[in-house]
Protein backbone atom coordinates (compact mmCIF):
# COMPACT_ATOMS: atom_id res chain seq x y z
CA MET A 1 -31.75 -66.12 14.28
CA LYS A 2 -29.06 -63.52 14.86
CA LYS A 3 -29.02 -60.24 16.68
CA LYS A 4 -26.80 -57.27 15.94
CA LEU A 5 -24.43 -55.91 18.52
CA LEU A 6 -24.69 -52.56 20.22
CA ALA A 7 -24.81 -49.70 17.75
CA ALA A 8 -22.48 -47.66 19.98
CA SER A 9 -20.06 -50.54 20.32
CA VAL A 10 -16.92 -48.53 19.46
CA GLY A 11 -17.22 -46.30 22.51
CA LEU A 12 -18.22 -49.15 24.78
CA ILE A 13 -15.38 -51.41 23.63
CA SER A 14 -12.90 -48.58 24.14
CA MET A 15 -14.09 -48.26 27.71
CA VAL A 16 -13.81 -52.01 28.26
CA SER A 17 -10.30 -52.21 26.83
CA ALA A 18 -9.07 -49.37 29.04
CA VAL A 19 -9.29 -51.48 32.21
CA SER A 20 -6.05 -53.23 33.14
CA PRO A 21 -6.12 -57.00 33.76
CA LEU A 22 -5.69 -58.24 37.30
CA GLN A 23 -4.74 -61.90 36.99
CA ALA A 24 -3.15 -63.96 39.73
CA LEU A 25 0.48 -64.79 38.87
CA THR A 26 0.65 -67.48 41.52
CA ALA A 27 -1.94 -69.78 43.05
CA PRO A 28 -3.41 -68.04 46.13
CA PHE A 29 -3.99 -71.43 47.78
CA PRO A 30 -2.73 -74.94 46.92
CA ASP A 31 -6.25 -76.06 45.92
CA ILE A 32 -6.83 -73.05 43.62
CA ALA A 33 -5.27 -73.40 40.16
CA VAL A 34 -3.78 -70.23 38.70
CA SER A 35 -5.85 -70.80 35.56
CA SER A 36 -9.16 -71.26 37.42
CA GLU A 37 -11.96 -68.76 36.88
CA ASN A 38 -11.96 -67.54 40.48
CA ALA A 39 -8.18 -67.44 41.08
CA ALA A 40 -7.77 -63.69 40.57
CA ALA A 41 -10.76 -62.86 42.78
CA ILE A 42 -9.56 -65.13 45.60
CA ASP A 43 -6.00 -63.82 45.29
CA PHE A 44 -7.24 -60.21 45.46
CA LEU A 45 -9.44 -60.81 48.52
CA LYS A 46 -6.64 -62.74 50.24
CA GLY A 47 -4.28 -59.82 49.67
CA LYS A 48 -6.83 -57.44 51.20
CA GLY A 49 -7.27 -59.64 54.26
CA ILE A 50 -10.92 -60.35 53.45
CA ILE A 51 -10.55 -64.12 53.11
CA ALA A 52 -8.19 -66.69 54.58
CA GLY A 53 -7.59 -70.38 54.24
CA TYR A 54 -8.03 -73.30 56.59
CA PRO A 55 -5.33 -74.49 59.03
CA ASP A 56 -4.03 -76.95 56.43
CA GLY A 57 -3.46 -74.06 54.01
CA SER A 58 -6.33 -74.93 51.67
CA PHE A 59 -9.21 -72.69 50.63
CA GLN A 60 -11.79 -75.39 49.83
CA PRO A 61 -13.51 -73.43 47.05
CA ASN A 62 -16.42 -75.85 46.63
CA LYS A 63 -17.36 -75.88 50.29
CA THR A 64 -20.57 -74.00 51.07
CA ILE A 65 -20.54 -70.90 53.24
CA ASN A 66 -22.91 -70.25 56.15
CA ARG A 67 -24.72 -67.06 57.16
CA ALA A 68 -22.29 -66.15 59.95
CA GLU A 69 -19.20 -66.65 57.77
CA ALA A 70 -20.77 -64.59 54.99
CA LEU A 71 -21.38 -61.63 57.30
CA LYS A 72 -17.78 -61.65 58.51
CA LEU A 73 -16.58 -61.32 54.91
CA ILE A 74 -19.05 -58.49 54.29
CA PHE A 75 -17.70 -56.44 57.18
CA LEU A 76 -14.09 -57.10 56.25
CA ALA A 77 -14.92 -55.90 52.73
CA ARG A 78 -16.64 -52.81 54.16
CA LYS A 79 -13.34 -51.88 55.83
CA VAL A 80 -11.51 -52.17 52.53
CA LEU A 81 -14.13 -49.91 50.90
CA LYS A 82 -13.96 -47.58 53.94
CA ILE A 83 -17.70 -47.72 54.52
CA GLU A 84 -18.55 -46.26 57.89
CA ASP A 85 -20.88 -48.23 60.14
CA ALA A 86 -23.75 -45.87 60.98
CA ALA A 87 -25.35 -45.94 64.42
CA GLY A 88 -28.37 -47.82 63.08
CA SER A 89 -31.40 -48.76 65.08
CA ALA A 90 -31.65 -50.27 68.52
CA GLN A 91 -29.89 -53.57 69.19
CA VAL A 92 -31.57 -56.60 67.70
CA THR A 93 -31.43 -59.84 69.66
CA PHE A 94 -31.67 -63.37 68.32
CA PRO A 95 -32.13 -66.28 70.72
CA ASP A 96 -29.62 -68.39 68.77
CA VAL A 97 -26.87 -65.73 68.71
CA LYS A 98 -25.04 -65.39 72.04
CA SER A 99 -22.56 -62.70 73.08
CA LYS A 100 -19.84 -65.35 73.42
CA ASP A 101 -20.18 -66.43 69.78
CA TRP A 102 -17.38 -65.29 67.45
CA TYR A 103 -19.93 -63.94 64.97
CA TYR A 104 -22.01 -62.02 67.58
CA GLU A 105 -20.63 -58.58 66.62
CA TYR A 106 -21.12 -59.16 62.88
CA VAL A 107 -24.73 -60.29 63.30
CA GLN A 108 -25.56 -57.37 65.58
CA LYS A 109 -24.09 -54.81 63.18
CA ALA A 110 -25.75 -56.40 60.17
CA ALA A 111 -29.15 -56.42 61.86
CA LYS A 112 -28.83 -52.78 62.93
CA LEU A 113 -27.85 -51.70 59.43
CA GLY A 114 -30.66 -53.65 57.79
CA ILE A 115 -28.27 -55.96 55.97
CA VAL A 116 -29.99 -59.04 57.42
CA LYS A 117 -33.19 -59.98 59.15
CA GLY A 118 -34.18 -62.94 61.24
CA TYR A 119 -36.55 -65.73 60.31
CA GLU A 120 -40.25 -65.77 61.15
CA ASP A 121 -39.50 -67.56 64.43
CA ALA A 122 -37.17 -64.64 65.39
CA THR A 123 -34.01 -66.76 65.06
CA PHE A 124 -31.00 -65.94 62.88
CA LYS A 125 -29.75 -69.48 62.19
CA PRO A 126 -26.06 -68.53 61.79
CA ALA A 127 -25.02 -72.05 60.80
CA ASN A 128 -27.48 -72.24 57.91
CA GLU A 129 -25.85 -72.44 54.49
CA ILE A 130 -26.48 -69.20 52.66
CA THR A 131 -28.26 -69.33 49.31
CA ALA A 132 -27.21 -67.51 46.16
CA ALA A 133 -30.16 -65.11 46.47
CA GLU A 134 -29.42 -64.32 50.13
CA SER A 135 -25.77 -63.78 49.25
CA LEU A 136 -26.53 -61.15 46.63
CA LYS A 137 -28.83 -59.30 48.99
CA ILE A 138 -26.28 -58.92 51.79
CA ILE A 139 -23.48 -58.12 49.32
CA GLU A 140 -25.45 -55.35 47.63
CA VAL A 141 -26.98 -53.86 50.77
CA GLY A 142 -23.77 -54.26 52.74
CA LEU A 143 -21.23 -53.04 50.17
CA ILE A 144 -23.02 -50.55 47.93
CA PRO A 145 -24.11 -47.46 49.89
CA THR A 146 -26.11 -46.14 46.93
CA PHE A 147 -27.99 -49.38 46.34
CA GLN A 148 -31.78 -49.12 46.32
CA SER A 149 -34.13 -52.00 45.74
CA THR A 150 -36.59 -51.25 42.93
CA SER A 151 -39.41 -53.17 41.31
CA VAL A 152 -38.53 -55.50 38.44
CA ALA A 153 -40.46 -55.39 35.16
CA THR A 154 -38.68 -58.27 33.42
CA ALA A 155 -37.47 -61.54 34.88
CA PRO A 156 -33.66 -61.33 35.11
CA PHE A 157 -33.16 -65.08 34.76
CA THR A 158 -35.30 -67.90 33.41
CA ASP A 159 -35.75 -69.34 36.92
CA VAL A 160 -36.46 -66.00 38.66
CA THR A 161 -39.97 -64.58 38.39
CA ILE A 162 -40.51 -60.87 39.06
CA ASP A 163 -42.68 -61.54 42.13
CA ARG A 164 -39.94 -63.26 44.16
CA TRP A 165 -38.45 -61.22 47.02
CA TYR A 166 -34.98 -61.59 45.60
CA ALA A 167 -35.79 -60.55 42.01
CA PRO A 168 -34.60 -56.91 42.50
CA PHE A 169 -31.27 -58.06 43.96
CA LEU A 170 -30.63 -60.56 41.17
CA ALA A 171 -31.69 -58.09 38.47
CA TYR A 172 -29.28 -55.48 39.83
CA ALA A 173 -26.41 -57.96 40.11
CA LYS A 174 -26.98 -59.13 36.54
CA SER A 175 -27.10 -55.56 35.18
CA LYS A 176 -23.74 -54.80 36.80
CA PHE A 177 -22.21 -58.19 35.80
CA PHE A 178 -21.59 -59.12 39.42
CA VAL A 179 -23.06 -62.50 38.43
CA GLU A 180 -23.75 -64.18 35.10
CA ALA A 181 -26.42 -66.54 33.84
CA LYS A 182 -25.82 -70.21 33.19
CA GLY A 183 -25.92 -71.59 29.66
CA ASP A 184 -29.72 -71.93 29.71
CA GLY A 185 -30.32 -68.44 31.08
CA SER A 186 -30.96 -69.59 34.65
CA TYR A 187 -29.14 -68.63 37.86
CA GLY A 188 -30.24 -71.04 40.60
CA PRO A 189 -31.22 -68.56 43.33
CA GLU A 190 -32.03 -71.25 45.90
CA ARG A 191 -28.77 -73.18 45.53
CA LYS A 192 -26.20 -73.03 48.30
CA MET A 193 -23.36 -70.59 47.70
CA THR A 194 -19.83 -71.97 47.58
CA ARG A 195 -16.84 -70.16 49.02
CA ALA A 196 -15.44 -69.53 45.52
CA GLU A 197 -18.72 -68.13 44.18
CA PHE A 198 -19.20 -65.88 47.20
CA ALA A 199 -15.62 -64.62 46.92
CA GLU A 200 -16.10 -63.88 43.20
CA ALA A 201 -19.26 -61.83 43.81
CA ILE A 202 -17.65 -59.81 46.64
CA TYR A 203 -14.55 -59.22 44.53
CA ARG A 204 -16.53 -57.92 41.57
CA VAL A 205 -18.42 -55.47 43.77
CA VAL A 206 -15.29 -54.31 45.62
CA TYR A 207 -13.36 -53.88 42.35
CA THR A 208 -16.19 -51.97 40.70
CA GLN A 209 -16.74 -49.72 43.72
CA SER A 210 -13.02 -49.08 44.28
CA ASN A 211 -12.50 -48.02 40.67
CA SER A 212 -15.75 -46.00 40.41
CA LEU A 213 -16.93 -48.11 37.47
CA GLU A 214 -20.50 -48.31 36.23
CA LYS A 215 -20.29 -52.09 35.99
CA TYR A 216 -17.75 -54.87 36.36
CA PRO A 217 -15.51 -55.30 33.26
CA LEU A 218 -16.13 -58.87 32.17
CA ASN A 219 -12.80 -59.45 30.45
CA LEU A 220 -10.72 -58.22 33.39
CA ASN A 221 -9.44 -61.66 34.39
CA TRP A 222 -10.10 -63.69 31.27
CA GLN A 223 -7.05 -65.51 29.98
CA TYR A 224 -5.25 -64.37 26.87
CA CYS A 225 -5.16 -66.69 23.90
CA ASN A 226 -1.79 -65.54 22.56
CA ASN A 227 -1.39 -65.99 18.81
CA PHE A 228 1.97 -64.23 18.84
CA GLU A 229 3.19 -65.94 15.68
CA LEU A 230 0.55 -64.00 13.77
CA GLY A 231 1.14 -60.86 15.83
CA TYR A 232 -1.82 -60.56 18.19
CA LYS A 233 -3.42 -61.84 21.38
CA ILE A 234 -7.06 -61.93 22.40
CA LYS A 235 -8.95 -62.89 25.55
CA ARG A 236 -11.34 -65.83 25.92
CA PRO A 237 -14.34 -65.99 28.28
CA TYR A 238 -14.01 -68.99 30.59
CA ALA A 239 -17.21 -70.66 29.38
CA TRP A 240 -16.19 -70.41 25.72
CA GLU A 241 -14.38 -73.02 23.66
CA VAL A 242 -11.35 -72.28 21.51
CA ILE A 243 -11.10 -74.08 18.18
CA LEU A 244 -8.01 -73.81 15.99
CA ALA A 245 -8.62 -73.99 12.26
CA GLY A 246 -5.34 -73.37 10.45
CA LYS A 247 -4.53 -69.70 10.96
CA GLN A 248 -8.05 -68.94 12.14
CA ILE A 249 -9.37 -69.19 15.68
CA ILE A 250 -13.00 -69.73 16.58
CA PHE A 251 -14.31 -68.68 19.99
CA TRP A 252 -17.56 -70.50 20.63
CA ARG A 253 -20.16 -70.35 23.40
CA LYS A 254 -22.11 -73.57 22.90
CA ASP A 255 -25.88 -73.69 23.41
CA GLN A 256 -25.88 -76.94 25.36
CA ALA A 257 -29.50 -76.66 26.46
CA ASN A 258 -30.63 -76.82 22.83
CA GLY A 259 -28.24 -79.57 21.77
CA GLN A 260 -25.85 -77.52 19.65
CA VAL A 261 -22.94 -79.58 18.31
CA SER A 262 -21.23 -77.13 15.93
CA PHE A 263 -20.47 -73.43 15.81
CA ALA A 264 -21.39 -73.37 12.11
CA ARG A 265 -25.00 -72.50 12.86
CA VAL A 266 -26.10 -70.03 15.54
CA TYR A 267 -28.50 -71.35 18.17
CA PRO A 268 -30.67 -69.17 20.48
CA ASN A 269 -28.19 -69.13 23.38
CA SER A 270 -24.97 -69.44 21.43
CA ALA A 271 -22.37 -67.07 20.06
CA ALA A 272 -19.28 -67.35 17.91
CA ALA A 273 -16.40 -65.10 16.95
CA VAL A 274 -14.08 -66.12 14.13
CA VAL A 275 -10.67 -64.44 14.22
CA ALA A 276 -8.68 -64.42 10.99
CA VAL A 277 -5.52 -62.67 9.80
CA ASP A 278 -4.99 -61.19 6.34
CA ASP A 279 -1.34 -60.53 5.44
CA ASN A 280 -2.44 -57.40 3.53
CA LEU A 281 0.46 -57.75 1.12
CA SER A 282 -0.45 -54.46 -0.55
CA LYS A 283 0.11 -52.70 2.80
CA LEU A 284 -3.14 -50.78 2.52
CA SER A 285 -4.22 -48.56 5.35
CA LEU A 286 -7.20 -49.87 7.29
CA GLU A 287 -9.45 -47.25 5.73
CA LYS A 288 -8.40 -48.19 2.19
CA TYR A 289 -8.60 -51.88 3.04
CA LEU A 290 -12.23 -51.54 4.10
CA ALA A 291 -13.05 -49.45 1.05
CA LEU A 292 -12.38 -52.51 -1.10
CA ILE A 293 -14.99 -54.58 0.76
CA ASP A 294 -18.50 -54.10 -0.57
CA TYR A 295 -20.93 -54.60 2.30
CA GLY A 296 -23.83 -53.26 0.28
CA ASP A 297 -26.69 -51.07 1.45
CA GLY A 298 -27.74 -51.02 5.08
CA SER A 299 -24.24 -51.27 6.55
CA SER A 300 -22.26 -48.65 8.44
CA LYS A 301 -18.53 -48.34 9.07
CA ALA A 302 -16.77 -46.57 11.92
CA LEU A 303 -13.01 -46.07 12.29
CA SER A 304 -11.15 -45.29 15.49
CA THR A 305 -8.21 -46.49 17.58
CA MET A 306 -8.25 -49.22 20.20
CA ASN A 307 -5.39 -50.47 22.37
CA GLY A 308 -3.04 -48.39 20.24
CA LEU A 309 -4.13 -50.05 17.00
CA PRO A 310 -6.22 -48.70 14.11
CA TYR A 311 -9.68 -50.22 14.59
CA ALA A 312 -12.85 -50.35 12.50
CA SER A 313 -16.28 -51.85 13.04
CA VAL A 314 -18.84 -52.63 10.38
CA GLN A 315 -22.48 -53.01 11.38
CA ILE A 316 -24.36 -55.16 8.87
CA ASP A 317 -27.98 -54.28 9.48
CA LYS A 318 -29.60 -56.75 7.09
CA SER A 319 -27.87 -59.84 8.47
CA GLY A 320 -27.61 -58.71 12.07
CA LEU A 321 -23.87 -59.34 12.17
CA GLN A 322 -20.91 -57.19 13.11
CA ASP A 323 -17.36 -57.36 11.75
CA SER A 324 -14.36 -55.82 13.45
CA TYR A 325 -10.91 -55.06 12.05
CA PHE A 326 -7.57 -54.21 13.65
CA GLN A 327 -4.40 -53.27 11.80
CA LEU A 328 -1.12 -54.44 13.31
CA ALA A 329 2.13 -52.48 13.10
CA ASN A 330 3.38 -54.84 10.38
CA GLY A 331 0.34 -53.97 8.25
CA LYS A 332 -1.51 -57.26 8.77
CA ILE A 333 -5.26 -57.10 9.35
CA VAL A 334 -6.92 -59.00 12.19
CA ALA A 335 -10.58 -59.55 11.32
CA ILE A 336 -13.22 -60.68 13.83
CA TYR A 337 -16.56 -61.92 12.51
CA ALA A 338 -19.12 -62.15 15.31
CA GLN A 339 -22.65 -63.47 15.59
CA ILE A 340 -24.95 -64.24 18.52
CA GLY A 341 -28.30 -65.92 19.03
CA ASP A 342 -31.51 -64.15 20.03
CA GLY A 343 -32.29 -66.27 23.13
CA THR A 344 -32.40 -65.32 26.79
CA LEU A 345 -28.61 -65.02 26.91
CA ASN A 346 -28.52 -62.43 24.13
CA ALA A 347 -27.59 -59.44 26.32
CA GLN A 348 -24.89 -61.33 28.18
CA LEU A 349 -23.41 -62.84 25.02
CA LYS A 350 -23.46 -59.42 23.38
CA GLU A 351 -21.41 -58.02 26.24
CA GLU A 352 -18.99 -60.95 26.08
CA ILE A 353 -18.46 -60.45 22.34
CA LEU A 354 -17.72 -56.76 22.94
CA ASN A 355 -15.23 -57.70 25.65
CA ILE A 356 -13.54 -60.23 23.36
CA ILE A 357 -13.12 -57.58 20.68
CA GLY A 358 -11.99 -55.01 23.24
CA SER A 359 -9.15 -57.25 24.44
CA VAL A 360 -7.22 -57.46 21.15
CA LYS A 361 -3.62 -56.32 21.46
CA GLU A 362 -0.44 -56.65 19.45
CA SER A 363 1.87 -59.46 20.57
CA ASN A 364 5.17 -61.02 19.54
CA SER A 365 5.79 -63.26 22.56
CA VAL A 366 4.00 -65.14 25.34
CA ASP A 367 4.19 -63.59 28.80
CA ALA A 368 4.61 -65.79 31.86
CA ASN A 369 0.92 -65.50 32.78
CA GLU A 370 -0.40 -66.17 29.26
CA LYS A 371 -0.84 -69.18 27.01
CA SER A 372 -0.37 -69.73 23.33
CA CYS A 373 -3.63 -70.49 21.56
CA LEU A 374 -2.27 -73.94 20.73
CA VAL A 375 -1.77 -74.79 24.40
CA MET A 376 -5.11 -73.27 25.43
CA ASP A 377 -6.87 -75.41 22.83
CA ALA A 378 -5.15 -78.54 24.15
CA GLU A 379 -6.03 -77.74 27.77
CA ILE A 380 -9.70 -77.16 26.95
CA LYS A 381 -9.92 -80.45 25.06
CA ALA A 382 -8.22 -82.30 27.92
CA SER A 383 -10.53 -80.73 30.50
CA GLU A 384 -13.65 -81.66 28.51
CA ALA A 385 -12.41 -85.25 28.29
CA GLY A 386 -11.76 -85.33 32.04
CA ASN A 387 -8.00 -85.62 31.50
CA THR A 388 -5.01 -83.57 32.47
CA VAL A 389 -2.87 -81.86 29.87
CA SER A 390 -0.52 -84.36 28.25
CA THR A 391 3.25 -84.27 28.56
CA LYS A 392 3.35 -83.41 24.87
CA ASP A 393 1.18 -80.33 25.34
CA GLN A 394 3.18 -79.26 28.37
CA LEU A 395 6.35 -79.52 26.30
CA ILE A 396 4.79 -77.47 23.51
CA SER A 397 3.87 -74.84 26.10
CA GLU A 398 7.50 -74.68 27.20
CA LEU A 399 8.72 -74.39 23.60
CA MET A 400 6.35 -71.50 22.91
CA LYS A 401 8.10 -69.40 25.55
CA PHE A 402 11.27 -69.34 23.42
CA VAL A 403 9.69 -68.18 20.16
CA LEU A 404 10.95 -64.73 19.07
CA VAL A 405 13.24 -64.49 22.09
CA ASN A 406 16.70 -63.58 20.79
CA GLY A 407 19.43 -66.19 21.31
CA LYS A 408 17.20 -68.87 22.84
CA ALA A 409 17.11 -71.39 19.97
CA GLU A 410 19.59 -73.75 21.64
CA GLN A 411 17.53 -73.79 24.85
CA ALA A 412 14.38 -74.50 22.86
CA LEU A 413 15.99 -77.43 21.04
CA GLY A 414 17.32 -78.66 24.38
CA LYS A 415 13.73 -79.28 25.47
CA ILE A 416 13.34 -82.01 22.84
CA ASN A 417 15.69 -84.86 21.93
CA ASP A 418 14.49 -86.02 18.54
CA GLU A 419 14.79 -82.86 16.43
CA ILE A 420 16.01 -83.16 12.86
CA ILE A 421 16.79 -80.51 10.26
CA ILE A 422 14.33 -80.92 7.41
CA GLU A 423 15.38 -77.94 5.31
CA THR A 424 17.79 -75.02 5.22
CA ASP A 425 17.23 -71.69 3.52
CA SER A 426 20.73 -70.33 2.89
CA ILE A 427 19.42 -66.87 1.98
CA GLY A 428 16.98 -66.63 4.84
CA ILE A 429 14.93 -63.58 5.63
CA GLY A 430 17.61 -60.96 5.10
CA THR A 431 19.45 -61.55 8.35
CA GLY A 432 21.02 -64.86 7.43
CA PRO A 433 20.31 -68.56 6.86
CA VAL A 434 17.19 -70.15 8.33
CA ASP A 435 16.99 -73.78 9.46
CA TYR A 436 13.78 -75.75 9.79
CA TYR A 437 13.71 -78.37 12.54
CA TYR A 438 11.06 -81.02 13.13
CA SER A 439 10.29 -83.01 16.28
CA ALA A 440 8.13 -86.10 15.89
CA SER A 441 7.55 -86.34 19.66
CA VAL A 442 5.57 -83.09 19.66
CA ASN A 443 4.73 -83.07 15.94
CA LEU A 444 6.04 -79.53 15.64
CA SER A 445 8.34 -77.72 13.22
CA LEU A 446 10.54 -74.81 14.32
CA LYS A 447 11.88 -72.07 12.07
CA ILE A 448 15.25 -70.87 13.42
CA ASP A 449 17.43 -67.96 12.36
CA ARG A 450 20.92 -69.41 12.56
CA ASN A 451 22.91 -66.19 13.05
CA SER A 452 20.84 -64.80 15.93
CA ALA A 453 19.94 -68.26 17.32
CA THR A 454 16.30 -67.21 17.47
CA VAL A 455 13.20 -69.36 17.03
CA LEU A 456 11.21 -67.30 14.53
CA ALA A 457 8.02 -69.36 14.39
CA SER A 458 6.49 -72.80 14.86
CA GLU A 459 4.00 -74.83 12.88
CA THR A 460 2.13 -78.04 13.62
CA GLY A 461 3.34 -80.99 11.56
CA LYS A 462 6.45 -81.60 9.48
CA THR A 463 6.73 -78.57 7.22
CA SER A 464 8.86 -75.65 6.14
CA ALA A 465 5.97 -73.80 4.52
CA PHE A 466 5.74 -70.96 7.05
């Protein structure tokens, strides 16, 4: 079954798209890849002096964090947020926390402020690995002055019942997108927290608080899938697959728990967004373009502007789907057809779809911190197969950086050594003759304007039909 998106999606998407991305341009530590999900968070916290690496320069993202280490990060983050430490209650003593211990001050402050409590035997157990549930409690109580624990009416995750002590903390974190559910709707509250996960949660709270936001913008650090040859770029959630189908792109969140093998049919905890481009040869305005599409009764259309582009959404009540349209400066129409399942992940997937739509921007080149959709697709496939990106895909990535950059055709061709001219258009596109080159080593054709020495476009396979 399918569920419709938020009725007030236009306003919400506009708010989402207004937040600037904050991606790491360089790896913050040698064991943190720039493209990793937590890179931006770790880079941000490192820059603020909240986290640091080990003596060998590494960060060790998968290493668990203990209770004492977690409190140190909380108080460093409090300084960044300029939260004053109130006087609190009388000093609390723990038999296993001595005044000579490096973490003594942090434990004392946290106990006075009610951020932590001891165990039933009156000990603190500073070396104990902190759980995900404990982490969210100290992060929320320690970093959000307005936070108040309230009763929970609905289980926030499939593995969190409303009667557990940590249910209010997990429900709050989920509502603010400080954390997200796994593919089956669970969270794993009793699992040990890794350094990368803890850093991500602190970062999301600090970013949200610093910018006075109601909740964390999910697409803030997603990577752009740059389809510059068709004139646009769009962000992909880390857990979603990217599938290239000719000039269409499918973003797919697979329902692995229910054995989904194709995006063609929506499963309870799945979602898909198909992105297609219509050349709009008649150069119709977006309003006139939509007027030609008969959605029938029970649908509603709304036009506005998003990211500087004319934007329209169509809510299809009967089918529970939503279509979105953007018009590029060249008149082309970017259409996004979205659908989501009605399982436990529905609310989260709904938000992710809105953030995907809200990220669409015009593009005619690939920035240094972005990837072409072709390269992103190759990297995802390689990662799923447990491989690294092939030399061929790396070379394609390099070639993509020269497309539509004036005078760089010779440098692009210099990256390959087996190019051949397969066709020449002596009339060209109005600026002069166009040559079509093909490289068998990367199975890629390049369309080059001879006079300006500019790579105009690329196409997979040996072809001049583009």
